[in-house]
Structure formats: C-alpha cells, structure tokens
Amino acid sequence: MRKRDYGQFCGLARAAETLGQRWTLLILRDLLVGPARYSDLLRGLPGIPTNVLSTRLKELEEDGVVARTAQSGKDRSVVYHVTERGAELSPVIDALARWGAADMHAPREGETVTDRSLASALRASARSTGSARANYTVRVAGAAAHASVHDGVVDVDAGEHAHPDLIITADSRLRDFLAGAIGPDDVQASGAVSVDGDPALLREFADTFALPYSTDE
C-alpha cells in the first residue's frame, strides 16, 4: 500500500500523506543528521523491517524528499541523503522533537538511544550562544554525538568529536539537567553526569542545549 490519500486539496493533508507513514519521520531524522547508507539506516533504526525501510526510502525518493547517490572510488556503495526540499523539513522535525521531549523523563522498557537520535536531539535543542566557543562529545547509553559551538553557530553530528574540550557521559537524567530541573553540581554528585575536561563548560553546554520541561509523569 503506497500511502493514505486524505482526499483534500490541503497542504497539511499532502504533508501527512508524505510524512504520516510509520518510521518515515525517524528515517528523515537520521538523514537530516547526514547522508547514510542503507545498512547505516537499518542499524540506526532497531526494529524496522527491511522491507519497510526499502519501501519508505522509495516513497521518499518518489516525493522528492530523499535522493540516492553512488559513491565514487573503491567504496561504490549507495548513499541516501535529503534533497533541498527534504532539508526544508529540518525545523519541522526539530519542533516535533522538542514537543515530544517536553514530558520525557526516563526511557520506557526497550527504548534505545542511537548516535543519530542523540545528534538530532542536540540539534533540536541548540540555540545561539553569542561568542561561546567549545567542542563537546556527549555519550548516553552507548550512543555518542558531538557538537561544535563557534561564534553563535552550533554544528552537531553523530559520533565522537576528534578534539573535544569536554566529554559528557550521562544517563537519561541528562534530559532533566538540560531542562533546568537539576543543577550542574547536583547532577554530577548524583552520578547522572560525569565530565572529562573543563567542568566549567558544563554550564555553557546546558545553556546552549536547554530543553523544555514538564512535571507531568
């Protein structure tokens, strides 16, 4: 089945036809972090059936949101990437991520964190920080992402930074720290966050990647 047709001449209906299928938003989340091979996407989306991933990628290609390119040289694997039209979805995906994170506190049973989901979460919460300059590596539940903050510009990607000023290793309580529910001293004393590098940068990190907070359980 291709996708739902809502039968309405409406921009939101057309968007829902493209984005409303299961796994589509998470595929786009990962591709908005950066280009990826099919195997990279499959590994980063635990639980997605291979036929569903293939179908969703084909649909997104047909809609002009995703394209694929064969790499040159010895590695001739196919890489998927967002098109210019697909890149326009970045603020939409980020806004949905912030909305969904507002009442998150602890993972539900079976929920995982991946490098690209962590990078996407950092990008969604990032905000301009004036003249601050720092490189961060963030590790949560076996996943890693990094961020570079230079002169108010924040760049985020999956994996470790080659030369971090601060390495942050945390559990799910990092989310409450970034939401301001736990202070930097308390979050380190509790063991929720440990740092390697200049500890003063932890406060700057929290200011740069502040999250909304809800007390609802």
Protein backbone atom coordinates (compact mmCIF):
# COMPACT_ATOMS: atom_id res chain seq x y z
CA MET A 1 0.00 0.00 0.00
CA ARG A 2 1.53 3.28 -1.13
CA LYS A 3 0.14 5.75 1.40
CA ARG A 4 -3.07 7.28 2.66
CA ASP A 5 -4.95 9.67 0.41
CA TYR A 6 -6.98 12.09 2.50
CA GLY A 7 -8.95 13.40 -0.46
CA GLN A 8 -8.40 17.05 0.46
CA PHE A 9 -6.74 19.84 -1.52
CA CYS A 10 -4.81 20.97 1.54
CA GLY A 11 -1.12 21.45 2.24
CA LEU A 12 -1.33 19.71 5.61
CA ALA A 13 -3.11 16.73 4.05
CA ARG A 14 -0.38 16.43 1.40
CA ALA A 15 2.31 16.67 4.07
CA ALA A 16 0.57 13.96 6.12
CA GLU A 17 0.46 11.70 3.05
CA THR A 18 4.25 12.00 2.76
CA LEU A 19 5.25 12.05 6.42
CA GLY A 20 2.49 10.12 8.20
CA GLN A 21 3.67 6.58 7.50
CA ARG A 22 5.26 4.51 10.26
CA TRP A 23 9.07 5.04 10.52
CA THR A 24 9.13 7.89 7.97
CA LEU A 25 9.87 10.64 10.50
CA LEU A 26 12.68 8.63 12.08
CA ILE A 27 14.26 7.90 8.70
CA LEU A 28 14.19 11.62 7.97
CA ARG A 29 15.53 12.39 11.45
CA ASP A 30 18.59 10.26 10.73
CA LEU A 31 19.14 11.58 7.19
CA LEU A 32 18.89 15.17 8.41
CA VAL A 33 21.92 14.42 10.61
CA GLY A 34 23.83 13.41 7.47
CA PRO A 35 23.93 11.09 4.45
CA ALA A 36 23.76 7.37 5.21
CA ARG A 37 23.95 4.01 3.52
CA TYR A 38 21.01 1.61 3.70
CA SER A 39 22.95 -0.50 6.21
CA ASP A 40 23.62 2.59 8.37
CA LEU A 41 19.92 3.40 8.45
CA LEU A 42 18.98 -0.19 9.23
CA ARG A 43 21.47 -0.33 12.10
CA GLY A 44 20.30 3.00 13.50
CA LEU A 45 16.60 2.08 13.46
CA PRO A 46 16.36 -1.05 15.64
CA GLY A 47 13.14 -2.90 14.95
CA ILE A 48 12.42 -1.60 11.46
CA PRO A 49 11.69 -4.43 8.99
CA THR A 50 13.98 -4.37 5.95
CA ASN A 51 11.04 -4.29 3.55
CA VAL A 52 9.54 -1.30 5.35
CA LEU A 53 12.82 0.63 5.19
CA SER A 54 13.13 -0.10 1.47
CA THR A 55 9.53 0.94 0.86
CA ARG A 56 9.80 4.16 2.84
CA LEU A 57 13.02 5.17 1.09
CA LYS A 58 11.42 4.51 -2.29
CA GLU A 59 8.38 6.61 -1.34
CA LEU A 60 10.54 9.48 -0.10
CA GLU A 61 12.52 9.37 -3.34
CA GLU A 62 9.32 9.48 -5.38
CA ASP A 63 8.19 12.51 -3.36
CA GLY A 64 11.49 14.33 -3.99
CA VAL A 65 12.41 14.39 -0.32
CA VAL A 66 15.30 11.90 -0.44
CA ALA A 67 17.79 11.05 -3.18
CA ARG A 68 20.49 8.43 -3.51
CA THR A 69 23.98 8.74 -4.92
CA ALA A 70 26.55 6.08 -5.77
CA GLN A 71 29.89 6.91 -4.18
CA SER A 72 32.97 7.07 -6.37
CA GLY A 73 36.30 5.36 -5.80
CA LYS A 74 36.74 1.99 -4.11
CA ASP A 75 33.64 2.39 -1.96
CA ARG A 76 30.85 2.40 -4.54
CA SER A 77 28.01 1.91 -2.07
CA VAL A 78 24.78 3.84 -2.46
CA VAL A 79 24.29 6.73 -0.04
CA TYR A 80 20.92 8.28 0.77
CA HIS A 81 20.62 11.99 1.54
CA VAL A 82 17.90 14.59 1.85
CA THR A 83 17.21 16.83 -1.13
CA GLU A 84 16.82 20.59 -0.90
CA ARG A 85 13.09 20.02 -0.39
CA GLY A 86 13.83 17.42 2.27
CA ALA A 87 16.17 19.80 4.09
CA GLU A 88 13.24 22.20 4.48
CA LEU A 89 11.80 19.68 6.95
CA SER A 90 14.62 20.22 9.45
CA PRO A 91 12.83 22.88 11.54
CA VAL A 92 9.63 20.81 11.40
CA ILE A 93 11.38 17.67 12.67
CA ASP A 94 13.19 19.71 15.33
CA ALA A 95 9.94 21.30 16.52
CA LEU A 96 8.27 17.89 16.79
CA ALA A 97 11.29 16.56 18.69
CA ARG A 98 11.12 19.43 21.19
CA TRP A 99 7.38 18.92 21.61
CA GLY A 100 7.82 15.19 22.19
CA ALA A 101 10.68 15.73 24.66
CA ALA A 102 8.70 18.08 26.89
CA ASP A 103 7.28 15.27 29.05
CA MET A 104 10.08 12.72 28.69
CA HIS A 105 11.88 11.77 31.88
CA ALA A 106 13.05 8.15 31.75
CA PRO A 107 13.15 5.66 28.88
CA ARG A 108 10.34 3.15 28.61
CA GLU A 109 11.25 -0.53 28.61
CA GLY A 110 13.05 -1.50 25.43
CA GLU A 111 13.75 2.07 24.27
CA THR A 112 17.24 2.74 22.93
CA VAL A 113 19.41 5.73 22.10
CA THR A 114 21.37 5.82 18.84
CA ASP A 115 24.16 8.10 17.65
CA ARG A 116 21.88 9.86 15.19
CA SER A 117 18.91 10.15 17.54
CA LEU A 118 21.21 11.77 20.10
CA ALA A 119 22.68 14.13 17.49
CA SER A 120 19.17 15.01 16.32
CA ALA A 121 18.09 15.75 19.90
CA LEU A 122 21.05 18.09 20.39
CA ARG A 123 20.33 19.89 17.11
CA ALA A 124 16.67 20.31 18.04
CA SER A 125 17.53 21.97 21.36
CA ALA A 126 20.52 24.03 20.19
CA ARG A 127 20.31 27.80 20.36
CA SER A 128 22.65 30.69 19.66
CA THR A 129 25.13 31.38 22.45
CA GLY A 130 26.80 34.61 21.45
CA SER A 131 30.59 34.34 21.32
CA ALA A 132 30.97 30.99 23.14
CA ARG A 133 33.44 28.54 21.58
CA ALA A 134 33.67 24.88 22.60
CA ASN A 135 33.67 21.34 21.25
CA TYR A 136 31.65 18.69 23.07
CA THR A 137 31.30 14.92 22.93
CA VAL A 138 28.13 13.55 24.53
CA ARG A 139 27.72 9.89 25.44
CA VAL A 140 24.38 8.43 26.54
CA ALA A 141 23.55 4.73 26.87
CA GLY A 142 26.29 3.64 24.49
CA ALA A 143 25.44 6.27 21.88
CA ALA A 144 27.67 9.24 21.06
CA ALA A 145 27.21 12.59 19.34
CA HIS A 146 29.25 15.75 19.20
CA ALA A 147 28.68 19.46 18.90
CA SER A 148 30.88 22.41 17.98
CA VAL A 149 29.87 25.86 19.15
CA HIS A 150 31.71 28.71 17.47
CA ASP A 151 30.61 32.37 17.50
CA GLY A 152 26.93 31.60 17.95
CA VAL A 153 26.84 28.81 15.35
CA VAL A 154 26.14 25.27 16.57
CA ASP A 155 27.12 22.28 14.41
CA VAL A 156 26.02 18.81 15.50
CA ASP A 157 26.87 15.37 14.15
CA ALA A 158 26.81 11.73 15.19
CA GLY A 159 29.81 10.10 16.82
CA GLU A 160 32.71 11.42 18.89
CA HIS A 161 34.48 14.74 18.34
CA ALA A 162 38.15 14.36 17.42
CA HIS A 163 39.28 17.10 19.82
CA PRO A 164 36.60 17.76 22.47
CA ASP A 165 37.00 20.41 25.14
CA LEU A 166 34.52 18.49 27.27
CA ILE A 167 33.32 14.88 27.21
CA ILE A 168 29.95 14.38 28.90
CA THR A 169 28.89 10.87 29.88
CA ALA A 170 25.34 10.69 31.16
CA ASP A 171 22.26 8.60 31.78
CA SER A 172 18.68 9.64 30.97
CA ARG A 173 18.78 12.30 33.71
CA LEU A 174 20.80 14.45 31.29
CA ARG A 175 17.41 15.45 29.93
CA ASP A 176 16.30 16.86 33.31
CA PHE A 177 19.62 18.66 33.71
CA LEU A 178 19.21 20.37 30.32
CA ALA A 179 15.66 21.30 31.32
CA GLY A 180 16.97 23.06 34.43
CA ALA A 181 15.39 20.62 36.88
CA ILE A 182 18.82 19.60 38.25
CA GLY A 183 21.80 21.91 38.68
CA PRO A 184 25.31 21.11 37.41
CA ASP A 185 26.70 20.35 40.85
CA ASP A 186 23.79 18.13 41.88
CA VAL A 187 23.69 16.25 38.58
CA GLN A 188 27.37 15.35 38.92
CA ALA A 189 27.04 14.45 42.60
CA SER A 190 24.15 12.12 41.77
CA GLY A 191 26.25 10.28 39.20
CA ALA A 192 23.82 11.13 36.41
CA VAL A 193 26.54 13.07 34.58
CA SER A 194 30.32 12.80 34.62
CA VAL A 195 32.70 15.04 32.72
CA ASP A 196 36.20 14.83 31.32
CA GLY A 197 37.66 18.23 30.54
CA ASP A 198 36.90 21.74 31.76
CA PRO A 199 33.96 21.31 34.18
CA ALA A 200 33.05 25.00 33.82
CA LEU A 201 31.90 24.20 30.28
CA LEU A 202 29.07 22.03 31.61
CA ARG A 203 27.01 25.12 32.45
CA GLU A 204 27.67 26.58 28.99
CA PHE A 205 26.63 23.27 27.47
CA ALA A 206 23.36 23.38 29.42
CA ASP A 207 22.71 26.94 28.31
CA THR A 208 23.33 26.04 24.67
CA PHE A 209 21.17 22.91 24.64
CA ALA A 210 18.38 23.89 27.04
CA LEU A 211 15.21 21.78 26.85
CA PRO A 212 11.57 22.41 27.76
CA TYR A 213 10.42 20.77 30.97
CA SER A 214 7.16 19.30 32.18
CA THR A 215 6.47 17.99 35.66
CA ASP A 216 3.75 15.66 34.34
CA GLU A 217 4.61 12.00 34.75
